[in-house]
Amino acid sequence: MEPVLTLSSGISLKVLRAHDAGTLYTLINRNREHLREWLPWVDASRDPRDTRRFLEKSYASHLRGGGFSFGIRRRGELSGVIGFHGFDGANRVTSLGYWLALDACGQGVMRACVQACVSYAFRDRGMNRLYVRCATKNQRSRRVPETLGFVHEGTQREAEWLYDHFVDLEVYSVLAAEWEGRQSGKAVL
């Protein structure tokens, strides 16, 4: 069964499928300059077929129990993507990546989406650790794990090639026991 996460304020997360390619491509294309600042895959998404291939792979991975992408919908409109890069069952670790259209930024949308995905990973997928990597200078992206109480583990120097230069990545993580303690209001040492 496909997870659908319904959040407050008219936000929902639904697994993306190949039939969403046109809508997703249009959103990417409208936000190309905004997304390209921090995301290395934007130039490789040159037409809806590229987006369709990505969604086919993502959905096939979902069916095998692997990583997949949710479409972020606000009041029914696609506004971005949040996805699990994979689920390491042996070590019970996963990681998230995310992006929003420019007009959805600064409204707490991604914070709510990350919060829902962290709870899903721990509660429904049995993960113990979840991490996020954000470019050092990408303040908006970094603010999300920071405000949710993730631990800053450190900086990976020149860890990602961004078109014509390397960028450093900040690594943030949260453990299931820490998250559970915060959600129930208990302090966890």
N, C-alpha and C. Protein backbone atom coordinates (compact mmCIF):
# COMPACT_ATOMS: atom_id res chain seq x y z
N MET A 1 0.83 -1.18 0.00
CA MET A 1 0.00 0.00 0.00
C MET A 1 0.88 1.25 0.00
N GLU A 2 0.52 2.20 -0.81
CA GLU A 2 1.28 3.43 -0.91
C GLU A 2 0.96 4.36 0.24
N PRO A 3 2.01 4.86 0.90
CA PRO A 3 1.76 5.82 1.97
C PRO A 3 1.29 7.16 1.41
N VAL A 4 0.32 7.74 2.07
CA VAL A 4 -0.10 9.11 1.81
C VAL A 4 -0.08 9.78 3.17
N LEU A 5 0.69 10.85 3.29
CA LEU A 5 0.79 11.55 4.56
C LEU A 5 0.04 12.86 4.44
N THR A 6 -0.94 13.05 5.32
CA THR A 6 -1.74 14.27 5.32
C THR A 6 -1.30 15.12 6.50
N LEU A 7 -0.88 16.34 6.20
CA LEU A 7 -0.40 17.27 7.21
C LEU A 7 -1.44 18.36 7.40
N SER A 8 -1.20 19.21 8.35
CA SER A 8 -2.11 20.33 8.56
C SER A 8 -1.94 21.36 7.45
N SER A 9 -2.77 22.35 7.44
CA SER A 9 -2.68 23.48 6.50
C SER A 9 -2.82 23.07 5.04
N GLY A 10 -3.54 22.01 4.75
CA GLY A 10 -3.79 21.63 3.37
C GLY A 10 -2.59 21.04 2.65
N ILE A 11 -1.61 20.51 3.37
CA ILE A 11 -0.42 19.90 2.78
C ILE A 11 -0.55 18.39 2.83
N SER A 12 -0.22 17.73 1.73
CA SER A 12 -0.20 16.27 1.72
C SER A 12 1.01 15.78 0.93
N LEU A 13 1.45 14.58 1.27
CA LEU A 13 2.56 13.93 0.58
C LEU A 13 2.04 12.65 -0.04
N LYS A 14 2.23 12.50 -1.33
CA LYS A 14 1.78 11.33 -2.05
C LYS A 14 2.91 10.82 -2.93
N VAL A 15 3.10 9.50 -2.97
CA VAL A 15 4.16 8.91 -3.77
C VAL A 15 3.99 9.34 -5.23
N LEU A 16 5.09 9.83 -5.81
CA LEU A 16 5.05 10.25 -7.21
C LEU A 16 5.14 9.04 -8.14
N ARG A 17 4.39 9.12 -9.23
CA ARG A 17 4.38 8.04 -10.23
C ARG A 17 4.64 8.65 -11.61
N ALA A 18 4.85 7.80 -12.58
CA ALA A 18 5.19 8.25 -13.94
C ALA A 18 4.15 9.22 -14.50
N HIS A 19 2.87 9.02 -14.17
CA HIS A 19 1.84 9.91 -14.73
C HIS A 19 1.93 11.35 -14.17
N ASP A 20 2.77 11.55 -13.15
CA ASP A 20 2.98 12.90 -12.60
C ASP A 20 4.10 13.65 -13.33
N ALA A 21 4.72 13.01 -14.33
CA ALA A 21 5.91 13.58 -14.97
C ALA A 21 5.66 14.95 -15.59
N GLY A 22 4.57 15.12 -16.30
CA GLY A 22 4.30 16.40 -16.95
C GLY A 22 4.17 17.53 -15.96
N THR A 23 3.39 17.29 -14.90
CA THR A 23 3.19 18.31 -13.87
C THR A 23 4.49 18.63 -13.16
N LEU A 24 5.25 17.59 -12.83
CA LEU A 24 6.52 17.80 -12.13
C LEU A 24 7.50 18.53 -13.03
N TYR A 25 7.59 18.14 -14.29
CA TYR A 25 8.51 18.82 -15.21
C TYR A 25 8.15 20.30 -15.34
N THR A 26 6.88 20.60 -15.44
CA THR A 26 6.45 22.00 -15.54
C THR A 26 6.87 22.79 -14.31
N LEU A 27 6.73 22.18 -13.13
CA LEU A 27 7.15 22.84 -11.88
C LEU A 27 8.66 23.06 -11.87
N ILE A 28 9.42 22.05 -12.28
CA ILE A 28 10.88 22.18 -12.35
C ILE A 28 11.24 23.30 -13.32
N ASN A 29 10.63 23.28 -14.48
CA ASN A 29 10.95 24.25 -15.52
C ASN A 29 10.65 25.68 -15.06
N ARG A 30 9.52 25.87 -14.37
CA ARG A 30 9.16 27.19 -13.85
C ARG A 30 10.12 27.68 -12.77
N ASN A 31 10.78 26.74 -12.10
CA ASN A 31 11.66 27.07 -10.98
C ASN A 31 13.12 26.74 -11.26
N ARG A 32 13.45 26.58 -12.52
CA ARG A 32 14.78 26.12 -12.91
C ARG A 32 15.91 26.97 -12.31
N GLU A 33 15.83 28.27 -12.41
CA GLU A 33 16.89 29.14 -11.89
C GLU A 33 16.99 29.01 -10.36
N HIS A 34 15.87 29.00 -9.69
CA HIS A 34 15.83 28.85 -8.22
C HIS A 34 16.43 27.51 -7.80
N LEU A 35 16.06 26.42 -8.46
CA LEU A 35 16.53 25.09 -8.09
C LEU A 35 18.00 24.86 -8.44
N ARG A 36 18.41 25.43 -9.54
CA ARG A 36 19.77 25.19 -10.03
C ARG A 36 20.83 25.72 -9.06
N GLU A 37 20.48 26.69 -8.24
CA GLU A 37 21.46 27.24 -7.31
C GLU A 37 22.06 26.16 -6.40
N TRP A 38 21.25 25.14 -6.01
CA TRP A 38 21.71 24.15 -5.05
C TRP A 38 21.57 22.70 -5.50
N LEU A 39 20.88 22.42 -6.59
CA LEU A 39 20.60 21.04 -6.97
C LEU A 39 21.33 20.66 -8.27
N PRO A 40 22.21 19.66 -8.19
CA PRO A 40 23.05 19.32 -9.34
C PRO A 40 22.35 18.60 -10.49
N TRP A 41 21.12 18.18 -10.32
CA TRP A 41 20.43 17.40 -11.34
C TRP A 41 19.57 18.24 -12.28
N VAL A 42 19.41 19.52 -12.01
CA VAL A 42 18.45 20.35 -12.74
C VAL A 42 18.75 20.39 -14.24
N ASP A 43 20.00 20.55 -14.62
CA ASP A 43 20.32 20.61 -16.05
C ASP A 43 20.07 19.29 -16.77
N ALA A 44 20.08 18.18 -16.05
CA ALA A 44 19.82 16.87 -16.66
C ALA A 44 18.33 16.64 -16.90
N SER A 45 17.50 17.50 -16.34
CA SER A 45 16.05 17.40 -16.55
C SER A 45 15.67 18.37 -17.67
N ARG A 46 15.91 17.90 -18.91
CA ARG A 46 15.75 18.77 -20.07
C ARG A 46 14.38 18.67 -20.73
N ASP A 47 13.66 17.59 -20.49
CA ASP A 47 12.31 17.48 -21.04
C ASP A 47 11.51 16.49 -20.22
N PRO A 48 10.19 16.45 -20.41
CA PRO A 48 9.34 15.60 -19.56
C PRO A 48 9.74 14.13 -19.56
N ARG A 49 10.39 13.66 -20.62
CA ARG A 49 10.83 12.25 -20.64
C ARG A 49 11.89 11.98 -19.59
N ASP A 50 12.77 12.97 -19.35
CA ASP A 50 13.78 12.82 -18.29
C ASP A 50 13.11 12.68 -16.93
N THR A 51 12.10 13.51 -16.70
CA THR A 51 11.36 13.47 -15.44
C THR A 51 10.61 12.15 -15.31
N ARG A 52 10.02 11.70 -16.40
CA ARG A 52 9.30 10.42 -16.40
C ARG A 52 10.23 9.26 -16.04
N ARG A 53 11.42 9.23 -16.63
CA ARG A 53 12.38 8.16 -16.33
C ARG A 53 12.74 8.17 -14.84
N PHE A 54 12.98 9.36 -14.30
CA PHE A 54 13.28 9.47 -12.87
C PHE A 54 12.13 8.91 -12.03
N LEU A 55 10.89 9.29 -12.37
CA LEU A 55 9.74 8.83 -11.59
C LEU A 55 9.51 7.33 -11.74
N GLU A 56 9.76 6.79 -12.91
CA GLU A 56 9.64 5.33 -13.09
C GLU A 56 10.62 4.59 -12.21
N LYS A 57 11.86 5.07 -12.15
CA LYS A 57 12.88 4.44 -11.29
C LYS A 57 12.51 4.59 -9.81
N SER A 58 12.05 5.78 -9.44
CA SER A 58 11.68 6.04 -8.05
C SER A 58 10.52 5.13 -7.62
N TYR A 59 9.52 4.99 -8.49
CA TYR A 59 8.36 4.17 -8.13
C TYR A 59 8.73 2.69 -8.09
N ALA A 60 9.57 2.25 -9.02
CA ALA A 60 10.02 0.85 -9.01
C ALA A 60 10.79 0.56 -7.72
N SER A 61 11.60 1.50 -7.28
CA SER A 61 12.33 1.34 -6.02
C SER A 61 11.35 1.26 -4.85
N HIS A 62 10.33 2.11 -4.88
CA HIS A 62 9.30 2.06 -3.83
C HIS A 62 8.65 0.68 -3.76
N LEU A 63 8.33 0.11 -4.92
CA LEU A 63 7.69 -1.21 -4.95
C LEU A 63 8.60 -2.30 -4.39
N ARG A 64 9.91 -2.11 -4.49
CA ARG A 64 10.88 -3.07 -3.94
C ARG A 64 11.21 -2.78 -2.48
N GLY A 65 10.60 -1.74 -1.89
CA GLY A 65 10.88 -1.39 -0.50
C GLY A 65 12.04 -0.43 -0.34
N GLY A 66 12.49 0.16 -1.45
CA GLY A 66 13.62 1.08 -1.42
C GLY A 66 13.17 2.52 -1.32
N GLY A 67 14.12 3.39 -1.62
CA GLY A 67 13.86 4.82 -1.57
C GLY A 67 12.85 5.25 -2.63
N PHE A 68 12.20 6.38 -2.39
CA PHE A 68 11.18 6.88 -3.31
C PHE A 68 10.93 8.35 -3.02
N SER A 69 10.15 8.98 -3.89
CA SER A 69 9.86 10.40 -3.76
C SER A 69 8.38 10.65 -3.55
N PHE A 70 8.10 11.56 -2.62
CA PHE A 70 6.75 12.07 -2.41
C PHE A 70 6.61 13.39 -3.16
N GLY A 71 5.46 13.61 -3.75
CA GLY A 71 5.12 14.94 -4.24
C GLY A 71 4.52 15.73 -3.09
N ILE A 72 4.96 16.96 -2.92
CA ILE A 72 4.43 17.83 -1.88
C ILE A 72 3.30 18.63 -2.51
N ARG A 73 2.11 18.45 -1.98
CA ARG A 73 0.95 19.16 -2.52
C ARG A 73 0.40 20.11 -1.47
N ARG A 74 0.19 21.35 -1.92
CA ARG A 74 -0.46 22.35 -1.08
C ARG A 74 -1.78 22.68 -1.74
N ARG A 75 -2.85 22.47 -1.00
CA ARG A 75 -4.20 22.70 -1.54
C ARG A 75 -4.36 22.03 -2.90
N GLY A 76 -3.81 20.83 -3.04
CA GLY A 76 -3.94 20.03 -4.25
C GLY A 76 -2.93 20.31 -5.34
N GLU A 77 -2.15 21.39 -5.22
CA GLU A 77 -1.18 21.78 -6.25
C GLU A 77 0.21 21.25 -5.89
N LEU A 78 0.90 20.66 -6.86
CA LEU A 78 2.26 20.20 -6.64
C LEU A 78 3.17 21.40 -6.39
N SER A 79 3.92 21.35 -5.27
CA SER A 79 4.77 22.47 -4.87
C SER A 79 6.22 22.07 -4.66
N GLY A 80 6.53 20.78 -4.73
CA GLY A 80 7.90 20.34 -4.51
C GLY A 80 7.97 18.85 -4.33
N VAL A 81 9.16 18.40 -3.92
CA VAL A 81 9.42 16.96 -3.76
C VAL A 81 10.23 16.75 -2.49
N ILE A 82 9.92 15.66 -1.80
CA ILE A 82 10.75 15.20 -0.69
C ILE A 82 10.89 13.70 -0.87
N GLY A 83 12.10 13.20 -0.72
CA GLY A 83 12.28 11.78 -0.98
C GLY A 83 13.32 11.12 -0.10
N PHE A 84 13.14 9.82 0.07
CA PHE A 84 14.09 8.98 0.78
C PHE A 84 15.08 8.44 -0.25
N HIS A 85 16.38 8.59 0.03
CA HIS A 85 17.39 8.10 -0.91
C HIS A 85 17.48 6.59 -0.88
N GLY A 86 17.02 5.97 0.15
CA GLY A 86 17.06 4.52 0.29
C GLY A 86 16.80 4.16 1.74
N PHE A 87 16.62 2.88 1.98
CA PHE A 87 16.43 2.39 3.34
C PHE A 87 17.43 1.27 3.58
N ASP A 88 18.41 1.52 4.43
CA ASP A 88 19.42 0.52 4.78
C ASP A 88 18.85 -0.30 5.94
N GLY A 89 18.25 -1.45 5.60
CA GLY A 89 17.59 -2.27 6.61
C GLY A 89 18.54 -2.88 7.61
N ALA A 90 19.75 -3.22 7.19
CA ALA A 90 20.72 -3.83 8.10
C ALA A 90 21.14 -2.86 9.19
N ASN A 91 21.35 -1.61 8.81
CA ASN A 91 21.80 -0.61 9.77
C ASN A 91 20.69 0.33 10.22
N ARG A 92 19.49 0.16 9.61
CA ARG A 92 18.30 0.95 9.93
C ARG A 92 18.56 2.45 9.81
N VAL A 93 19.11 2.83 8.65
CA VAL A 93 19.46 4.21 8.35
C VAL A 93 18.81 4.63 7.04
N THR A 94 18.35 5.87 7.00
CA THR A 94 17.85 6.46 5.76
C THR A 94 18.25 7.92 5.71
N SER A 95 18.09 8.51 4.52
CA SER A 95 18.37 9.93 4.37
C SER A 95 17.29 10.57 3.51
N LEU A 96 17.15 11.86 3.68
CA LEU A 96 16.13 12.63 2.95
C LEU A 96 16.79 13.69 2.07
N GLY A 97 16.13 13.95 0.94
CA GLY A 97 16.44 15.10 0.11
C GLY A 97 15.14 15.82 -0.17
N TYR A 98 15.20 17.12 -0.42
CA TYR A 98 13.95 17.87 -0.61
C TYR A 98 14.19 19.17 -1.37
N TRP A 99 13.12 19.64 -1.99
CA TRP A 99 13.13 20.96 -2.63
C TRP A 99 11.70 21.47 -2.77
N LEU A 100 11.59 22.79 -2.83
CA LEU A 100 10.29 23.45 -2.98
C LEU A 100 10.35 24.48 -4.10
N ALA A 101 9.22 24.70 -4.73
CA ALA A 101 9.08 25.81 -5.67
C ALA A 101 9.29 27.10 -4.89
N LEU A 102 9.80 28.10 -5.57
CA LEU A 102 10.11 29.37 -4.91
C LEU A 102 8.91 29.97 -4.19
N ASP A 103 7.73 29.90 -4.80
CA ASP A 103 6.55 30.52 -4.16
C ASP A 103 6.05 29.78 -2.93
N ALA A 104 6.60 28.60 -2.64
CA ALA A 104 6.21 27.85 -1.45
C ALA A 104 7.23 28.00 -0.31
N CYS A 105 8.35 28.63 -0.59
CA CYS A 105 9.41 28.78 0.41
C CYS A 105 9.01 29.79 1.49
N GLY A 106 9.57 29.59 2.68
CA GLY A 106 9.40 30.55 3.76
C GLY A 106 8.06 30.49 4.46
N GLN A 107 7.31 29.41 4.26
CA GLN A 107 5.98 29.28 4.86
C GLN A 107 5.86 28.10 5.82
N GLY A 108 6.98 27.46 6.12
CA GLY A 108 6.96 26.31 7.03
C GLY A 108 6.55 25.00 6.37
N VAL A 109 6.39 25.01 5.05
CA VAL A 109 5.95 23.81 4.33
C VAL A 109 6.97 22.69 4.47
N MET A 110 8.24 22.99 4.18
CA MET A 110 9.23 21.92 4.21
C MET A 110 9.47 21.41 5.62
N ARG A 111 9.43 22.27 6.59
CA ARG A 111 9.58 21.83 7.98
C ARG A 111 8.51 20.80 8.32
N ALA A 112 7.28 21.07 7.95
CA ALA A 112 6.18 20.13 8.21
C ALA A 112 6.37 18.82 7.44
N CYS A 113 6.85 18.92 6.22
CA CYS A 113 7.06 17.72 5.40
C CYS A 113 8.18 16.84 5.95
N VAL A 114 9.29 17.47 6.35
CA VAL A 114 10.39 16.71 6.93
C VAL A 114 9.94 16.06 8.23
N GLN A 115 9.21 16.80 9.04
CA GLN A 115 8.71 16.25 10.30
C GLN A 115 7.85 15.00 10.03
N ALA A 116 6.97 15.06 9.05
CA ALA A 116 6.11 13.91 8.72
C ALA A 116 6.94 12.74 8.19
N CYS A 117 7.94 13.03 7.37
CA CYS A 117 8.77 11.96 6.81
C CYS A 117 9.65 11.29 7.86
N VAL A 118 10.16 12.08 8.80
CA VAL A 118 10.95 11.50 9.89
C VAL A 118 10.08 10.55 10.70
N SER A 119 8.89 10.99 11.07
CA SER A 119 7.98 10.13 11.83
C SER A 119 7.64 8.87 11.04
N TYR A 120 7.39 9.00 9.75
CA TYR A 120 7.09 7.84 8.90
C TYR A 120 8.29 6.87 8.88
N ALA A 121 9.50 7.39 8.72
CA ALA A 121 10.68 6.53 8.65
C ALA A 121 10.87 5.73 9.94
N PHE A 122 10.67 6.37 11.06
CA PHE A 122 10.87 5.68 12.34
C PHE A 122 9.70 4.76 12.68
N ARG A 123 8.49 5.25 12.52
CA ARG A 123 7.29 4.51 12.91
C ARG A 123 6.95 3.39 11.93
N ASP A 124 6.93 3.71 10.65
CA ASP A 124 6.44 2.75 9.66
C ASP A 124 7.53 1.94 8.97
N ARG A 125 8.74 2.46 8.93
CA ARG A 125 9.82 1.74 8.24
C ARG A 125 10.85 1.16 9.19
N GLY A 126 10.71 1.42 10.49
CA GLY A 126 11.61 0.83 11.48
C GLY A 126 13.03 1.34 11.44
N MET A 127 13.24 2.53 10.92
CA MET A 127 14.59 3.10 10.88
C MET A 127 15.00 3.59 12.27
N ASN A 128 16.29 3.64 12.51
CA ASN A 128 16.83 4.13 13.77
C ASN A 128 17.51 5.49 13.62
N ARG A 129 18.01 5.78 12.42
CA ARG A 129 18.76 7.01 12.18
C ARG A 129 18.33 7.59 10.85
N LEU A 130 18.15 8.90 10.83
CA LEU A 130 17.81 9.60 9.59
C LEU A 130 18.74 10.80 9.49
N TYR A 131 19.30 11.00 8.30
CA TYR A 131 20.17 12.15 8.13
C TYR A 131 19.81 12.94 6.87
N VAL A 132 20.27 14.19 6.89
CA VAL A 132 20.06 15.14 5.80
C VAL A 132 21.41 15.80 5.53
N ARG A 133 21.73 15.99 4.26
CA ARG A 133 22.94 16.74 3.89
C ARG A 133 22.50 17.98 3.11
N CYS A 134 23.01 19.14 3.53
CA CYS A 134 22.66 20.41 2.90
C CYS A 134 23.93 21.18 2.58
N ALA A 135 23.92 21.86 1.44
CA ALA A 135 25.07 22.70 1.11
C ALA A 135 25.29 23.73 2.21
N THR A 136 26.53 23.95 2.57
CA THR A 136 26.88 24.85 3.66
C THR A 136 26.24 26.22 3.52
N LYS A 137 26.21 26.77 2.33
CA LYS A 137 25.67 28.11 2.12
C LYS A 137 24.16 28.13 1.85
N ASN A 138 23.52 26.97 1.82
CA ASN A 138 22.07 26.91 1.58
C ASN A 138 21.34 27.06 2.91
N GLN A 139 21.21 28.29 3.35
CA GLN A 139 20.63 28.58 4.67
C GLN A 139 19.20 28.08 4.82
N ARG A 140 18.38 28.22 3.79
CA ARG A 140 16.98 27.77 3.89
C ARG A 140 16.90 26.26 4.13
N SER A 141 17.70 25.51 3.40
CA SER A 141 17.68 24.06 3.55
C SER A 141 18.21 23.65 4.91
N ARG A 142 19.27 24.29 5.36
CA ARG A 142 19.86 23.97 6.65
C ARG A 142 18.93 24.30 7.81
N ARG A 143 18.14 25.34 7.66
CA ARG A 143 17.25 25.77 8.73
C ARG A 143 16.24 24.67 9.10
N VAL A 144 15.87 23.84 8.13
CA VAL A 144 14.86 22.80 8.40
C VAL A 144 15.34 21.81 9.46
N PRO A 145 16.46 21.10 9.26
CA PRO A 145 16.87 20.17 10.32
C PRO A 145 17.27 20.88 11.61
N GLU A 146 17.81 22.09 11.49
CA GLU A 146 18.19 22.83 12.69
C GLU A 146 16.98 23.14 13.56
N THR A 147 15.88 23.58 12.95
CA THR A 147 14.70 23.92 13.75
C THR A 147 13.98 22.69 14.27
N LEU A 148 14.23 21.55 13.64
CA LEU A 148 13.60 20.30 14.12
C LEU A 148 14.47 19.58 15.15
N GLY A 149 15.59 20.17 15.52
CA GLY A 149 16.41 19.60 16.59
C GLY A 149 17.36 18.50 16.16
N PHE A 150 17.64 18.39 14.86
CA PHE A 150 18.64 17.42 14.42
C PHE A 150 20.00 17.82 14.99
N VAL A 151 20.89 16.86 15.13
CA VAL A 151 22.25 17.11 15.58
C VAL A 151 23.12 17.40 14.36
N HIS A 152 23.90 18.47 14.45
CA HIS A 152 24.85 18.78 13.38
C HIS A 152 26.07 17.89 13.59
N GLU A 153 26.31 16.97 12.67
CA GLU A 153 27.41 16.02 12.82
C GLU A 153 28.72 16.55 12.28
N GLY A 154 28.66 17.48 11.34
CA GLY A 154 29.90 18.01 10.79
C GLY A 154 29.76 18.43 9.35
N THR A 155 30.88 18.77 8.76
CA THR A 155 30.93 19.26 7.38
C THR A 155 31.69 18.26 6.52
N GLN A 156 31.11 17.89 5.42
CA GLN A 156 31.81 17.08 4.43
C GLN A 156 32.38 18.05 3.40
N ARG A 157 33.69 18.16 3.38
CA ARG A 157 34.35 19.14 2.52
C ARG A 157 34.28 18.71 1.05
N GLU A 158 33.94 19.67 0.20
CA GLU A 158 33.85 19.46 -1.24
C GLU A 158 33.19 18.12 -1.57
N ALA A 159 32.02 17.89 -1.00
CA ALA A 159 31.34 16.61 -1.11
C ALA A 159 30.40 16.49 -2.30
N GLU A 160 30.07 17.62 -2.94
CA GLU A 160 29.14 17.55 -4.07
C GLU A 160 29.61 18.46 -5.19
N TRP A 161 29.56 17.93 -6.41
CA TRP A 161 29.90 18.71 -7.60
C TRP A 161 28.65 19.42 -8.07
N LEU A 162 28.71 20.75 -8.10
CA LEU A 162 27.56 21.56 -8.49
C LEU A 162 27.91 22.32 -9.77
N TYR A 163 27.74 21.62 -10.90
CA TYR A 163 27.94 22.16 -12.25
C TYR A 163 29.37 22.50 -12.60
N ASP A 164 30.01 23.41 -11.88
CA ASP A 164 31.36 23.80 -12.23
C ASP A 164 32.27 24.00 -11.01
N HIS A 165 31.76 23.56 -9.85
CA HIS A 165 32.56 23.69 -8.63
C HIS A 165 32.04 22.72 -7.56
N PHE A 166 32.90 22.46 -6.58
CA PHE A 166 32.50 21.64 -5.45
C PHE A 166 31.87 22.51 -4.37
N VAL A 167 30.93 21.93 -3.63
CA VAL A 167 30.38 22.60 -2.45
C VAL A 167 30.54 21.68 -1.24
N ASP A 168 30.70 22.29 -0.09
CA ASP A 168 30.74 21.55 1.17
C ASP A 168 29.30 21.24 1.57
N LEU A 169 29.12 20.11 2.26
CA LEU A 169 27.80 19.72 2.74
C LEU A 169 27.81 19.58 4.25
N GLU A 170 26.77 20.11 4.88
CA GLU A 170 26.57 19.96 6.32
C GLU A 170 25.71 18.71 6.54
N VAL A 171 26.08 17.90 7.51
CA VAL A 171 25.35 16.67 7.81
C VAL A 171 24.61 16.84 9.14
N TYR A 172 23.31 16.58 9.10
CA TYR A 172 22.45 16.64 10.29
C TYR A 172 21.77 15.29 10.45
N SER A 173 21.62 14.84 11.69
CA SER A 173 20.94 13.57 11.90
C SER A 173 20.05 13.62 13.13
N VAL A 174 19.14 12.66 13.17
CA VAL A 174 18.29 12.47 14.34
C VAL A 174 18.10 10.96 14.51
N LEU A 175 18.06 10.52 15.76
CA LEU A 175 17.85 9.11 16.09
C LEU A 175 16.41 8.89 16.52
N ALA A 176 15.93 7.68 16.33
CA ALA A 176 14.54 7.36 16.65
C ALA A 176 14.20 7.69 18.11
N ALA A 177 15.08 7.34 19.04
CA ALA A 177 14.80 7.60 20.46
C ALA A 177 14.73 9.10 20.75
N GLU A 178 15.60 9.88 20.10
CA GLU A 178 15.56 11.33 20.27
C GLU A 178 14.25 11.90 19.74
N TRP A 179 13.88 11.43 18.56
CA TRP A 179 12.66 11.93 17.92
C TRP A 179 11.43 11.56 18.74
N GLU A 180 11.37 10.33 19.18
CA GLU A 180 10.25 9.86 19.98
C GLU A 180 10.15 10.66 21.27
N GLY A 181 11.29 10.92 21.90
CA GLY A 181 11.30 11.70 23.14
C GLY A 181 10.78 13.11 22.92
N ARG A 182 11.16 13.73 21.80
CA ARG A 182 10.70 15.08 21.50
C ARG A 182 9.20 15.10 21.20
N GLN A 183 8.75 14.09 20.49
CA GLN A 183 7.33 14.05 20.11
C GLN A 183 6.44 13.82 21.31
N SER A 184 6.95 13.09 22.32
CA SER A 184 6.15 12.82 23.51
C SER A 184 6.40 13.87 24.60
N GLY A 185 7.35 14.79 24.35
CA GLY A 185 7.63 15.84 25.32
C GLY A 185 8.60 15.44 26.40
N LYS A 186 9.19 14.25 26.28
CA LYS A 186 10.15 13.79 27.29
C LYS A 186 11.57 14.13 26.85
N ALA A 187 12.38 14.45 27.79
CA ALA A 187 13.81 14.69 27.50
C ALA A 187 14.50 13.35 27.30
N VAL A 188 15.34 13.28 26.30
CA VAL A 188 16.12 12.07 26.05
C VAL A 188 17.59 12.43 26.16
N LEU A 189 18.31 11.70 26.97
CA LEU A 189 19.74 11.99 27.18
C LEU A 189 20.57 11.20 26.21
